[in-house]
Amino acid sequence: QTIILLATIFGSTELGLGTINLIV
């Protein structure tokens, strides 16, 4: 559940991925 809730924040904040990358 923690991964589900915070996966996109991990990708955005930690990996610097853009919105499109995360939505895909």
PDBML (XML) file of the C-alpha atoms, coordinates in Angstrom:
<?xml version="1.0" encoding="UTF-8" ?>
<PDBx:datablock datablockName="MODEL"
   xmlns:PDBx="http://pdbml.pdb.org/schema/pdbx-v50.xsd"
   xmlns:xsi="http://www.w3.org/2001/XMLSchema-instance"
   xsi:schemaLocation="http://pdbml.pdb.org/schema/pdbx-v50.xsd pdbx-v50.xsd">
   <PDBx:atom_siteCategory>
      <PDBx:atom_site id="1">
         <PDBx:B_iso_or_equiv>0.00</PDBx:B_iso_or_equiv>
         <PDBx:Cartn_x>0.000</PDBx:Cartn_x>
         <PDBx:Cartn_y>0.000</PDBx:Cartn_y>
         <PDBx:Cartn_z>0.000</PDBx:Cartn_z>
         <PDBx:auth_asym_id>A</PDBx:auth_asym_id>
         <PDBx:auth_atom_id>CA</PDBx:auth_atom_id>
         <PDBx:auth_comp_id>GLN</PDBx:auth_comp_id>
         <PDBx:auth_seq_id>1</PDBx:auth_seq_id>
         <PDBx:group_PDB>ATOM</PDBx:group_PDB>
         <PDBx:label_alt_id xsi:nil="true" />
         <PDBx:label_asym_id>A</PDBx:label_asym_id>
         <PDBx:label_atom_id>CA</PDBx:label_atom_id>
         <PDBx:label_comp_id>GLN</PDBx:label_comp_id>
         <PDBx:label_entity_id>1</PDBx:label_entity_id>
         <PDBx:label_seq_id>1</PDBx:label_seq_id>
         <PDBx:occupancy>1.00</PDBx:occupancy>
         <PDBx:pdbx_PDB_model_num>1</PDBx:pdbx_PDB_model_num>
         <PDBx:type_symbol>C</PDBx:type_symbol>
      </PDBx:atom_site>
      <PDBx:atom_site id="2">
         <PDBx:B_iso_or_equiv>0.00</PDBx:B_iso_or_equiv>
         <PDBx:Cartn_x>2.879</PDBx:Cartn_x>
         <PDBx:Cartn_y>2.412</PDBx:Cartn_y>
         <PDBx:Cartn_z>0.677</PDBx:Cartn_z>
         <PDBx:auth_asym_id>A</PDBx:auth_asym_id>
         <PDBx:auth_atom_id>CA</PDBx:auth_atom_id>
         <PDBx:auth_comp_id>THR</PDBx:auth_comp_id>
         <PDBx:auth_seq_id>2</PDBx:auth_seq_id>
         <PDBx:group_PDB>ATOM</PDBx:group_PDB>
         <PDBx:label_alt_id xsi:nil="true" />
         <PDBx:label_asym_id>A</PDBx:label_asym_id>
         <PDBx:label_atom_id>CA</PDBx:label_atom_id>
         <PDBx:label_comp_id>THR</PDBx:label_comp_id>
         <PDBx:label_entity_id>1</PDBx:label_entity_id>
         <PDBx:label_seq_id>2</PDBx:label_seq_id>
         <PDBx:occupancy>1.00</PDBx:occupancy>
         <PDBx:pdbx_PDB_model_num>1</PDBx:pdbx_PDB_model_num>
         <PDBx:type_symbol>C</PDBx:type_symbol>
      </PDBx:atom_site>
      <PDBx:atom_site id="3">
         <PDBx:B_iso_or_equiv>0.00</PDBx:B_iso_or_equiv>
         <PDBx:Cartn_x>4.323</PDBx:Cartn_x>
         <PDBx:Cartn_y>1.767</PDBx:Cartn_y>
         <PDBx:Cartn_z>-2.780</PDBx:Cartn_z>
         <PDBx:auth_asym_id>A</PDBx:auth_asym_id>
         <PDBx:auth_atom_id>CA</PDBx:auth_atom_id>
         <PDBx:auth_comp_id>ILE</PDBx:auth_comp_id>
         <PDBx:auth_seq_id>3</PDBx:auth_seq_id>
         <PDBx:group_PDB>ATOM</PDBx:group_PDB>
         <PDBx:label_alt_id xsi:nil="true" />
         <PDBx:label_asym_id>A</PDBx:label_asym_id>
         <PDBx:label_atom_id>CA</PDBx:label_atom_id>
         <PDBx:label_comp_id>ILE</PDBx:label_comp_id>
         <PDBx:label_entity_id>1</PDBx:label_entity_id>
         <PDBx:label_seq_id>3</PDBx:label_seq_id>
         <PDBx:occupancy>1.00</PDBx:occupancy>
         <PDBx:pdbx_PDB_model_num>1</PDBx:pdbx_PDB_model_num>
         <PDBx:type_symbol>C</PDBx:type_symbol>
      </PDBx:atom_site>
      <PDBx:atom_site id="4">
         <PDBx:B_iso_or_equiv>0.00</PDBx:B_iso_or_equiv>
         <PDBx:Cartn_x>0.907</PDBx:Cartn_x>
         <PDBx:Cartn_y>2.225</PDBx:Cartn_y>
         <PDBx:Cartn_z>-4.420</PDBx:Cartn_z>
         <PDBx:auth_asym_id>A</PDBx:auth_asym_id>
         <PDBx:auth_atom_id>CA</PDBx:auth_atom_id>
         <PDBx:auth_comp_id>ILE</PDBx:auth_comp_id>
         <PDBx:auth_seq_id>4</PDBx:auth_seq_id>
         <PDBx:group_PDB>ATOM</PDBx:group_PDB>
         <PDBx:label_alt_id xsi:nil="true" />
         <PDBx:label_asym_id>A</PDBx:label_asym_id>
         <PDBx:label_atom_id>CA</PDBx:label_atom_id>
         <PDBx:label_comp_id>ILE</PDBx:label_comp_id>
         <PDBx:label_entity_id>1</PDBx:label_entity_id>
         <PDBx:label_seq_id>4</PDBx:label_seq_id>
         <PDBx:occupancy>1.00</PDBx:occupancy>
         <PDBx:pdbx_PDB_model_num>1</PDBx:pdbx_PDB_model_num>
         <PDBx:type_symbol>C</PDBx:type_symbol>
      </PDBx:atom_site>
      <PDBx:atom_site id="5">
         <PDBx:B_iso_or_equiv>0.00</PDBx:B_iso_or_equiv>
         <PDBx:Cartn_x>0.323</PDBx:Cartn_x>
         <PDBx:Cartn_y>5.535</PDBx:Cartn_y>
         <PDBx:Cartn_z>-2.637</PDBx:Cartn_z>
         <PDBx:auth_asym_id>A</PDBx:auth_asym_id>
         <PDBx:auth_atom_id>CA</PDBx:auth_atom_id>
         <PDBx:auth_comp_id>LEU</PDBx:auth_comp_id>
         <PDBx:auth_seq_id>5</PDBx:auth_seq_id>
         <PDBx:group_PDB>ATOM</PDBx:group_PDB>
         <PDBx:label_alt_id xsi:nil="true" />
         <PDBx:label_asym_id>A</PDBx:label_asym_id>
         <PDBx:label_atom_id>CA</PDBx:label_atom_id>
         <PDBx:label_comp_id>LEU</PDBx:label_comp_id>
         <PDBx:label_entity_id>1</PDBx:label_entity_id>
         <PDBx:label_seq_id>5</PDBx:label_seq_id>
         <PDBx:occupancy>1.00</PDBx:occupancy>
         <PDBx:pdbx_PDB_model_num>1</PDBx:pdbx_PDB_model_num>
         <PDBx:type_symbol>C</PDBx:type_symbol>
      </PDBx:atom_site>
      <PDBx:atom_site id="6">
         <PDBx:B_iso_or_equiv>0.00</PDBx:B_iso_or_equiv>
         <PDBx:Cartn_x>3.775</PDBx:Cartn_x>
         <PDBx:Cartn_y>7.050</PDBx:Cartn_y>
         <PDBx:Cartn_z>-3.102</PDBx:Cartn_z>
         <PDBx:auth_asym_id>A</PDBx:auth_asym_id>
         <PDBx:auth_atom_id>CA</PDBx:auth_atom_id>
         <PDBx:auth_comp_id>LEU</PDBx:auth_comp_id>
         <PDBx:auth_seq_id>6</PDBx:auth_seq_id>
         <PDBx:group_PDB>ATOM</PDBx:group_PDB>
         <PDBx:label_alt_id xsi:nil="true" />
         <PDBx:label_asym_id>A</PDBx:label_asym_id>
         <PDBx:label_atom_id>CA</PDBx:label_atom_id>
         <PDBx:label_comp_id>LEU</PDBx:label_comp_id>
         <PDBx:label_entity_id>1</PDBx:label_entity_id>
         <PDBx:label_seq_id>6</PDBx:label_seq_id>
         <PDBx:occupancy>1.00</PDBx:occupancy>
         <PDBx:pdbx_PDB_model_num>1</PDBx:pdbx_PDB_model_num>
         <PDBx:type_symbol>C</PDBx:type_symbol>
      </PDBx:atom_site>
      <PDBx:atom_site id="7">
         <PDBx:B_iso_or_equiv>0.00</PDBx:B_iso_or_equiv>
         <PDBx:Cartn_x>5.152</PDBx:Cartn_x>
         <PDBx:Cartn_y>5.504</PDBx:Cartn_y>
         <PDBx:Cartn_z>-6.320</PDBx:Cartn_z>
         <PDBx:auth_asym_id>A</PDBx:auth_asym_id>
         <PDBx:auth_atom_id>CA</PDBx:auth_atom_id>
         <PDBx:auth_comp_id>ALA</PDBx:auth_comp_id>
         <PDBx:auth_seq_id>7</PDBx:auth_seq_id>
         <PDBx:group_PDB>ATOM</PDBx:group_PDB>
         <PDBx:label_alt_id xsi:nil="true" />
         <PDBx:label_asym_id>A</PDBx:label_asym_id>
         <PDBx:label_atom_id>CA</PDBx:label_atom_id>
         <PDBx:label_comp_id>ALA</PDBx:label_comp_id>
         <PDBx:label_entity_id>1</PDBx:label_entity_id>
         <PDBx:label_seq_id>7</PDBx:label_seq_id>
         <PDBx:occupancy>1.00</PDBx:occupancy>
         <PDBx:pdbx_PDB_model_num>1</PDBx:pdbx_PDB_model_num>
         <PDBx:type_symbol>C</PDBx:type_symbol>
      </PDBx:atom_site>
      <PDBx:atom_site id="8">
         <PDBx:B_iso_or_equiv>0.00</PDBx:B_iso_or_equiv>
         <PDBx:Cartn_x>4.494</PDBx:Cartn_x>
         <PDBx:Cartn_y>8.549</PDBx:Cartn_y>
         <PDBx:Cartn_z>-8.497</PDBx:Cartn_z>
         <PDBx:auth_asym_id>A</PDBx:auth_asym_id>
         <PDBx:auth_atom_id>CA</PDBx:auth_atom_id>
         <PDBx:auth_comp_id>THR</PDBx:auth_comp_id>
         <PDBx:auth_seq_id>8</PDBx:auth_seq_id>
         <PDBx:group_PDB>ATOM</PDBx:group_PDB>
         <PDBx:label_alt_id xsi:nil="true" />
         <PDBx:label_asym_id>A</PDBx:label_asym_id>
         <PDBx:label_atom_id>CA</PDBx:label_atom_id>
         <PDBx:label_comp_id>THR</PDBx:label_comp_id>
         <PDBx:label_entity_id>1</PDBx:label_entity_id>
         <PDBx:label_seq_id>8</PDBx:label_seq_id>
         <PDBx:occupancy>1.00</PDBx:occupancy>
         <PDBx:pdbx_PDB_model_num>1</PDBx:pdbx_PDB_model_num>
         <PDBx:type_symbol>C</PDBx:type_symbol>
      </PDBx:atom_site>
      <PDBx:atom_site id="9">
         <PDBx:B_iso_or_equiv>0.00</PDBx:B_iso_or_equiv>
         <PDBx:Cartn_x>5.990</PDBx:Cartn_x>
         <PDBx:Cartn_y>10.905</PDBx:Cartn_y>
         <PDBx:Cartn_z>-5.895</PDBx:Cartn_z>
         <PDBx:auth_asym_id>A</PDBx:auth_asym_id>
         <PDBx:auth_atom_id>CA</PDBx:auth_atom_id>
         <PDBx:auth_comp_id>ILE</PDBx:auth_comp_id>
         <PDBx:auth_seq_id>9</PDBx:auth_seq_id>
         <PDBx:group_PDB>ATOM</PDBx:group_PDB>
         <PDBx:label_alt_id xsi:nil="true" />
         <PDBx:label_asym_id>A</PDBx:label_asym_id>
         <PDBx:label_atom_id>CA</PDBx:label_atom_id>
         <PDBx:label_comp_id>ILE</PDBx:label_comp_id>
         <PDBx:label_entity_id>1</PDBx:label_entity_id>
         <PDBx:label_seq_id>9</PDBx:label_seq_id>
         <PDBx:occupancy>1.00</PDBx:occupancy>
         <PDBx:pdbx_PDB_model_num>1</PDBx:pdbx_PDB_model_num>
         <PDBx:type_symbol>C</PDBx:type_symbol>
      </PDBx:atom_site>
      <PDBx:atom_site id="10">
         <PDBx:B_iso_or_equiv>0.00</PDBx:B_iso_or_equiv>
         <PDBx:Cartn_x>9.083</PDBx:Cartn_x>
         <PDBx:Cartn_y>8.646</PDBx:Cartn_y>
         <PDBx:Cartn_z>-5.858</PDBx:Cartn_z>
         <PDBx:auth_asym_id>A</PDBx:auth_asym_id>
         <PDBx:auth_atom_id>CA</PDBx:auth_atom_id>
         <PDBx:auth_comp_id>PHE</PDBx:auth_comp_id>
         <PDBx:auth_seq_id>10</PDBx:auth_seq_id>
         <PDBx:group_PDB>ATOM</PDBx:group_PDB>
         <PDBx:label_alt_id xsi:nil="true" />
         <PDBx:label_asym_id>A</PDBx:label_asym_id>
         <PDBx:label_atom_id>CA</PDBx:label_atom_id>
         <PDBx:label_comp_id>PHE</PDBx:label_comp_id>
         <PDBx:label_entity_id>1</PDBx:label_entity_id>
         <PDBx:label_seq_id>10</PDBx:label_seq_id>
         <PDBx:occupancy>1.00</PDBx:occupancy>
         <PDBx:pdbx_PDB_model_num>1</PDBx:pdbx_PDB_model_num>
         <PDBx:type_symbol>C</PDBx:type_symbol>
      </PDBx:atom_site>
      <PDBx:atom_site id="11">
         <PDBx:B_iso_or_equiv>0.00</PDBx:B_iso_or_equiv>
         <PDBx:Cartn_x>9.343</PDBx:Cartn_x>
         <PDBx:Cartn_y>8.879</PDBx:Cartn_y>
         <PDBx:Cartn_z>-9.649</PDBx:Cartn_z>
         <PDBx:auth_asym_id>A</PDBx:auth_asym_id>
         <PDBx:auth_atom_id>CA</PDBx:auth_atom_id>
         <PDBx:auth_comp_id>GLY</PDBx:auth_comp_id>
         <PDBx:auth_seq_id>11</PDBx:auth_seq_id>
         <PDBx:group_PDB>ATOM</PDBx:group_PDB>
         <PDBx:label_alt_id xsi:nil="true" />
         <PDBx:label_asym_id>A</PDBx:label_asym_id>
         <PDBx:label_atom_id>CA</PDBx:label_atom_id>
         <PDBx:label_comp_id>GLY</PDBx:label_comp_id>
         <PDBx:label_entity_id>1</PDBx:label_entity_id>
         <PDBx:label_seq_id>11</PDBx:label_seq_id>
         <PDBx:occupancy>1.00</PDBx:occupancy>
         <PDBx:pdbx_PDB_model_num>1</PDBx:pdbx_PDB_model_num>
         <PDBx:type_symbol>C</PDBx:type_symbol>
      </PDBx:atom_site>
      <PDBx:atom_site id="12">
         <PDBx:B_iso_or_equiv>0.00</PDBx:B_iso_or_equiv>
         <PDBx:Cartn_x>8.811</PDBx:Cartn_x>
         <PDBx:Cartn_y>12.642</PDBx:Cartn_y>
         <PDBx:Cartn_z>-9.659</PDBx:Cartn_z>
         <PDBx:auth_asym_id>A</PDBx:auth_asym_id>
         <PDBx:auth_atom_id>CA</PDBx:auth_atom_id>
         <PDBx:auth_comp_id>SER</PDBx:auth_comp_id>
         <PDBx:auth_seq_id>12</PDBx:auth_seq_id>
         <PDBx:group_PDB>ATOM</PDBx:group_PDB>
         <PDBx:label_alt_id xsi:nil="true" />
         <PDBx:label_asym_id>A</PDBx:label_asym_id>
         <PDBx:label_atom_id>CA</PDBx:label_atom_id>
         <PDBx:label_comp_id>SER</PDBx:label_comp_id>
         <PDBx:label_entity_id>1</PDBx:label_entity_id>
         <PDBx:label_seq_id>12</PDBx:label_seq_id>
         <PDBx:occupancy>1.00</PDBx:occupancy>
         <PDBx:pdbx_PDB_model_num>1</PDBx:pdbx_PDB_model_num>
         <PDBx:type_symbol>C</PDBx:type_symbol>
      </PDBx:atom_site>
      <PDBx:atom_site id="13">
         <PDBx:B_iso_or_equiv>0.00</PDBx:B_iso_or_equiv>
         <PDBx:Cartn_x>10.922</PDBx:Cartn_x>
         <PDBx:Cartn_y>13.697</PDBx:Cartn_y>
         <PDBx:Cartn_z>-6.664</PDBx:Cartn_z>
         <PDBx:auth_asym_id>A</PDBx:auth_asym_id>
         <PDBx:auth_atom_id>CA</PDBx:auth_atom_id>
         <PDBx:auth_comp_id>THR</PDBx:auth_comp_id>
         <PDBx:auth_seq_id>13</PDBx:auth_seq_id>
         <PDBx:group_PDB>ATOM</PDBx:group_PDB>
         <PDBx:label_alt_id xsi:nil="true" />
         <PDBx:label_asym_id>A</PDBx:label_asym_id>
         <PDBx:label_atom_id>CA</PDBx:label_atom_id>
         <PDBx:label_comp_id>THR</PDBx:label_comp_id>
         <PDBx:label_entity_id>1</PDBx:label_entity_id>
         <PDBx:label_seq_id>13</PDBx:label_seq_id>
         <PDBx:occupancy>1.00</PDBx:occupancy>
         <PDBx:pdbx_PDB_model_num>1</PDBx:pdbx_PDB_model_num>
         <PDBx:type_symbol>C</PDBx:type_symbol>
      </PDBx:atom_site>
      <PDBx:atom_site id="14">
         <PDBx:B_iso_or_equiv>0.00</PDBx:B_iso_or_equiv>
         <PDBx:Cartn_x>13.649</PDBx:Cartn_x>
         <PDBx:Cartn_y>11.039</PDBx:Cartn_y>
         <PDBx:Cartn_z>-6.553</PDBx:Cartn_z>
         <PDBx:auth_asym_id>A</PDBx:auth_asym_id>
         <PDBx:auth_atom_id>CA</PDBx:auth_atom_id>
         <PDBx:auth_comp_id>GLU</PDBx:auth_comp_id>
         <PDBx:auth_seq_id>14</PDBx:auth_seq_id>
         <PDBx:group_PDB>ATOM</PDBx:group_PDB>
         <PDBx:label_alt_id xsi:nil="true" />
         <PDBx:label_asym_id>A</PDBx:label_asym_id>
         <PDBx:label_atom_id>CA</PDBx:label_atom_id>
         <PDBx:label_comp_id>GLU</PDBx:label_comp_id>
         <PDBx:label_entity_id>1</PDBx:label_entity_id>
         <PDBx:label_seq_id>14</PDBx:label_seq_id>
         <PDBx:occupancy>1.00</PDBx:occupancy>
         <PDBx:pdbx_PDB_model_num>1</PDBx:pdbx_PDB_model_num>
         <PDBx:type_symbol>C</PDBx:type_symbol>
      </PDBx:atom_site>
      <PDBx:atom_site id="15">
         <PDBx:B_iso_or_equiv>0.00</PDBx:B_iso_or_equiv>
         <PDBx:Cartn_x>14.093</PDBx:Cartn_x>
         <PDBx:Cartn_y>10.229</PDBx:Cartn_y>
         <PDBx:Cartn_z>-10.252</PDBx:Cartn_z>
         <PDBx:auth_asym_id>A</PDBx:auth_asym_id>
         <PDBx:auth_atom_id>CA</PDBx:auth_atom_id>
         <PDBx:auth_comp_id>LEU</PDBx:auth_comp_id>
         <PDBx:auth_seq_id>15</PDBx:auth_seq_id>
         <PDBx:group_PDB>ATOM</PDBx:group_PDB>
         <PDBx:label_alt_id xsi:nil="true" />
         <PDBx:label_asym_id>A</PDBx:label_asym_id>
         <PDBx:label_atom_id>CA</PDBx:label_atom_id>
         <PDBx:label_comp_id>LEU</PDBx:label_comp_id>
         <PDBx:label_entity_id>1</PDBx:label_entity_id>
         <PDBx:label_seq_id>15</PDBx:label_seq_id>
         <PDBx:occupancy>1.00</PDBx:occupancy>
         <PDBx:pdbx_PDB_model_num>1</PDBx:pdbx_PDB_model_num>
         <PDBx:type_symbol>C</PDBx:type_symbol>
      </PDBx:atom_site>
      <PDBx:atom_site id="16">
         <PDBx:B_iso_or_equiv>0.00</PDBx:B_iso_or_equiv>
         <PDBx:Cartn_x>13.117</PDBx:Cartn_x>
         <PDBx:Cartn_y>13.586</PDBx:Cartn_y>
         <PDBx:Cartn_z>-11.737</PDBx:Cartn_z>
         <PDBx:auth_asym_id>A</PDBx:auth_asym_id>
         <PDBx:auth_atom_id>CA</PDBx:auth_atom_id>
         <PDBx:auth_comp_id>GLY</PDBx:auth_comp_id>
         <PDBx:auth_seq_id>16</PDBx:auth_seq_id>
         <PDBx:group_PDB>ATOM</PDBx:group_PDB>
         <PDBx:label_alt_id xsi:nil="true" />
         <PDBx:label_asym_id>A</PDBx:label_asym_id>
         <PDBx:label_atom_id>CA</PDBx:label_atom_id>
         <PDBx:label_comp_id>GLY</PDBx:label_comp_id>
         <PDBx:label_entity_id>1</PDBx:label_entity_id>
         <PDBx:label_seq_id>16</PDBx:label_seq_id>
         <PDBx:occupancy>1.00</PDBx:occupancy>
         <PDBx:pdbx_PDB_model_num>1</PDBx:pdbx_PDB_model_num>
         <PDBx:type_symbol>C</PDBx:type_symbol>
      </PDBx:atom_site>
      <PDBx:atom_site id="17">
         <PDBx:B_iso_or_equiv>0.00</PDBx:B_iso_or_equiv>
         <PDBx:Cartn_x>10.676</PDBx:Cartn_x>
         <PDBx:Cartn_y>12.015</PDBx:Cartn_y>
         <PDBx:Cartn_z>-14.197</PDBx:Cartn_z>
         <PDBx:auth_asym_id>A</PDBx:auth_asym_id>
         <PDBx:auth_atom_id>CA</PDBx:auth_atom_id>
         <PDBx:auth_comp_id>LEU</PDBx:auth_comp_id>
         <PDBx:auth_seq_id>17</PDBx:auth_seq_id>
         <PDBx:group_PDB>ATOM</PDBx:group_PDB>
         <PDBx:label_alt_id xsi:nil="true" />
         <PDBx:label_asym_id>A</PDBx:label_asym_id>
         <PDBx:label_atom_id>CA</PDBx:label_atom_id>
         <PDBx:label_comp_id>LEU</PDBx:label_comp_id>
         <PDBx:label_entity_id>1</PDBx:label_entity_id>
         <PDBx:label_seq_id>17</PDBx:label_seq_id>
         <PDBx:occupancy>1.00</PDBx:occupancy>
         <PDBx:pdbx_PDB_model_num>1</PDBx:pdbx_PDB_model_num>
         <PDBx:type_symbol>C</PDBx:type_symbol>
      </PDBx:atom_site>
      <PDBx:atom_site id="18">
         <PDBx:B_iso_or_equiv>0.00</PDBx:B_iso_or_equiv>
         <PDBx:Cartn_x>8.136</PDBx:Cartn_x>
         <PDBx:Cartn_y>14.177</PDBx:Cartn_y>
         <PDBx:Cartn_z>-15.975</PDBx:Cartn_z>
         <PDBx:auth_asym_id>A</PDBx:auth_asym_id>
         <PDBx:auth_atom_id>CA</PDBx:auth_atom_id>
         <PDBx:auth_comp_id>GLY</PDBx:auth_comp_id>
         <PDBx:auth_seq_id>18</PDBx:auth_seq_id>
         <PDBx:group_PDB>ATOM</PDBx:group_PDB>
         <PDBx:label_alt_id xsi:nil="true" />
         <PDBx:label_asym_id>A</PDBx:label_asym_id>
         <PDBx:label_atom_id>CA</PDBx:label_atom_id>
         <PDBx:label_comp_id>GLY</PDBx:label_comp_id>
         <PDBx:label_entity_id>1</PDBx:label_entity_id>
         <PDBx:label_seq_id>18</PDBx:label_seq_id>
         <PDBx:occupancy>1.00</PDBx:occupancy>
         <PDBx:pdbx_PDB_model_num>1</PDBx:pdbx_PDB_model_num>
         <PDBx:type_symbol>C</PDBx:type_symbol>
      </PDBx:atom_site>
      <PDBx:atom_site id="19">
         <PDBx:B_iso_or_equiv>0.00</PDBx:B_iso_or_equiv>
         <PDBx:Cartn_x>4.373</PDBx:Cartn_x>
         <PDBx:Cartn_y>13.923</PDBx:Cartn_y>
         <PDBx:Cartn_z>-15.707</PDBx:Cartn_z>
         <PDBx:auth_asym_id>A</PDBx:auth_asym_id>
         <PDBx:auth_atom_id>CA</PDBx:auth_atom_id>
         <PDBx:auth_comp_id>THR</PDBx:auth_comp_id>
         <PDBx:auth_seq_id>19</PDBx:auth_seq_id>
         <PDBx:group_PDB>ATOM</PDBx:group_PDB>
         <PDBx:label_alt_id xsi:nil="true" />
         <PDBx:label_asym_id>A</PDBx:label_asym_id>
         <PDBx:label_atom_id>CA</PDBx:label_atom_id>
         <PDBx:label_comp_id>THR</PDBx:label_comp_id>
         <PDBx:label_entity_id>1</PDBx:label_entity_id>
         <PDBx:label_seq_id>19</PDBx:label_seq_id>
         <PDBx:occupancy>1.00</PDBx:occupancy>
         <PDBx:pdbx_PDB_model_num>1</PDBx:pdbx_PDB_model_num>
         <PDBx:type_symbol>C</PDBx:type_symbol>
      </PDBx:atom_site>
      <PDBx:atom_site id="20">
         <PDBx:B_iso_or_equiv>0.00</PDBx:B_iso_or_equiv>
         <PDBx:Cartn_x>4.044</PDBx:Cartn_x>
         <PDBx:Cartn_y>12.028</PDBx:Cartn_y>
         <PDBx:Cartn_z>-18.993</PDBx:Cartn_z>
         <PDBx:auth_asym_id>A</PDBx:auth_asym_id>
         <PDBx:auth_atom_id>CA</PDBx:auth_atom_id>
         <PDBx:auth_comp_id>ILE</PDBx:auth_comp_id>
         <PDBx:auth_seq_id>20</PDBx:auth_seq_id>
         <PDBx:group_PDB>ATOM</PDBx:group_PDB>
         <PDBx:label_alt_id xsi:nil="true" />
         <PDBx:label_asym_id>A</PDBx:label_asym_id>
         <PDBx:label_atom_id>CA</PDBx:label_atom_id>
         <PDBx:label_comp_id>ILE</PDBx:label_comp_id>
         <PDBx:label_entity_id>1</PDBx:label_entity_id>
         <PDBx:label_seq_id>20</PDBx:label_seq_id>
         <PDBx:occupancy>1.00</PDBx:occupancy>
         <PDBx:pdbx_PDB_model_num>1</PDBx:pdbx_PDB_model_num>
         <PDBx:type_symbol>C</PDBx:type_symbol>
      </PDBx:atom_site>
      <PDBx:atom_site id="21">
         <PDBx:B_iso_or_equiv>0.00</PDBx:B_iso_or_equiv>
         <PDBx:Cartn_x>6.614</PDBx:Cartn_x>
         <PDBx:Cartn_y>9.403</PDBx:Cartn_y>
         <PDBx:Cartn_z>-17.935</PDBx:Cartn_z>
         <PDBx:auth_asym_id>A</PDBx:auth_asym_id>
         <PDBx:auth_atom_id>CA</PDBx:auth_atom_id>
         <PDBx:auth_comp_id>ASN</PDBx:auth_comp_id>
         <PDBx:auth_seq_id>21</PDBx:auth_seq_id>
         <PDBx:group_PDB>ATOM</PDBx:group_PDB>
         <PDBx:label_alt_id xsi:nil="true" />
         <PDBx:label_asym_id>A</PDBx:label_asym_id>
         <PDBx:label_atom_id>CA</PDBx:label_atom_id>
         <PDBx:label_comp_id>ASN</PDBx:label_comp_id>
         <PDBx:label_entity_id>1</PDBx:label_entity_id>
         <PDBx:label_seq_id>21</PDBx:label_seq_id>
         <PDBx:occupancy>1.00</PDBx:occupancy>
         <PDBx:pdbx_PDB_model_num>1</PDBx:pdbx_PDB_model_num>
         <PDBx:type_symbol>C</PDBx:type_symbol>
      </PDBx:atom_site>
      <PDBx:atom_site id="22">
         <PDBx:B_iso_or_equiv>0.00</PDBx:B_iso_or_equiv>
         <PDBx:Cartn_x>4.794</PDBx:Cartn_x>
         <PDBx:Cartn_y>8.851</PDBx:Cartn_y>
         <PDBx:Cartn_z>-14.662</PDBx:Cartn_z>
         <PDBx:auth_asym_id>A</PDBx:auth_asym_id>
         <PDBx:auth_atom_id>CA</PDBx:auth_atom_id>
         <PDBx:auth_comp_id>LEU</PDBx:auth_comp_id>
         <PDBx:auth_seq_id>22</PDBx:auth_seq_id>
         <PDBx:group_PDB>ATOM</PDBx:group_PDB>
         <PDBx:label_alt_id xsi:nil="true" />
         <PDBx:label_asym_id>A</PDBx:label_asym_id>
         <PDBx:label_atom_id>CA</PDBx:label_atom_id>
         <PDBx:label_comp_id>LEU</PDBx:label_comp_id>
         <PDBx:label_entity_id>1</PDBx:label_entity_id>
         <PDBx:label_seq_id>22</PDBx:label_seq_id>
         <PDBx:occupancy>1.00</PDBx:occupancy>
         <PDBx:pdbx_PDB_model_num>1</PDBx:pdbx_PDB_model_num>
         <PDBx:type_symbol>C</PDBx:type_symbol>
      </PDBx:atom_site>
      <PDBx:atom_site id="23">
         <PDBx:B_iso_or_equiv>0.00</PDBx:B_iso_or_equiv>
         <PDBx:Cartn_x>1.317</PDBx:Cartn_x>
         <PDBx:Cartn_y>8.647</PDBx:Cartn_y>
         <PDBx:Cartn_z>-16.192</PDBx:Cartn_z>
         <PDBx:auth_asym_id>A</PDBx:auth_asym_id>
         <PDBx:auth_atom_id>CA</PDBx:auth_atom_id>
         <PDBx:auth_comp_id>ILE</PDBx:auth_comp_id>
         <PDBx:auth_seq_id>23</PDBx:auth_seq_id>
         <PDBx:group_PDB>ATOM</PDBx:group_PDB>
         <PDBx:label_alt_id xsi:nil="true" />
         <PDBx:label_asym_id>A</PDBx:label_asym_id>
         <PDBx:label_atom_id>CA</PDBx:label_atom_id>
         <PDBx:label_comp_id>ILE</PDBx:label_comp_id>
         <PDBx:label_entity_id>1</PDBx:label_entity_id>
         <PDBx:label_seq_id>23</PDBx:label_seq_id>
         <PDBx:occupancy>1.00</PDBx:occupancy>
         <PDBx:pdbx_PDB_model_num>1</PDBx:pdbx_PDB_model_num>
         <PDBx:type_symbol>C</PDBx:type_symbol>
      </PDBx:atom_site>
      <PDBx:atom_site id="24">
         <PDBx:B_iso_or_equiv>0.00</PDBx:B_iso_or_equiv>
         <PDBx:Cartn_x>2.559</PDBx:Cartn_x>
         <PDBx:Cartn_y>6.163</PDBx:Cartn_y>
         <PDBx:Cartn_z>-18.807</PDBx:Cartn_z>
         <PDBx:auth_asym_id>A</PDBx:auth_asym_id>
         <PDBx:auth_atom_id>CA</PDBx:auth_atom_id>
         <PDBx:auth_comp_id>VAL</PDBx:auth_comp_id>
         <PDBx:auth_seq_id>24</PDBx:auth_seq_id>
         <PDBx:group_PDB>ATOM</PDBx:group_PDB>
         <PDBx:label_alt_id xsi:nil="true" />
         <PDBx:label_asym_id>A</PDBx:label_asym_id>
         <PDBx:label_atom_id>CA</PDBx:label_atom_id>
         <PDBx:label_comp_id>VAL</PDBx:label_comp_id>
         <PDBx:label_entity_id>1</PDBx:label_entity_id>
         <PDBx:label_seq_id>24</PDBx:label_seq_id>
         <PDBx:occupancy>1.00</PDBx:occupancy>
         <PDBx:pdbx_PDB_model_num>1</PDBx:pdbx_PDB_model_num>
         <PDBx:type_symbol>C</PDBx:type_symbol>
      </PDBx:atom_site>
   </PDBx:atom_siteCategory>
</PDBx:datablock>
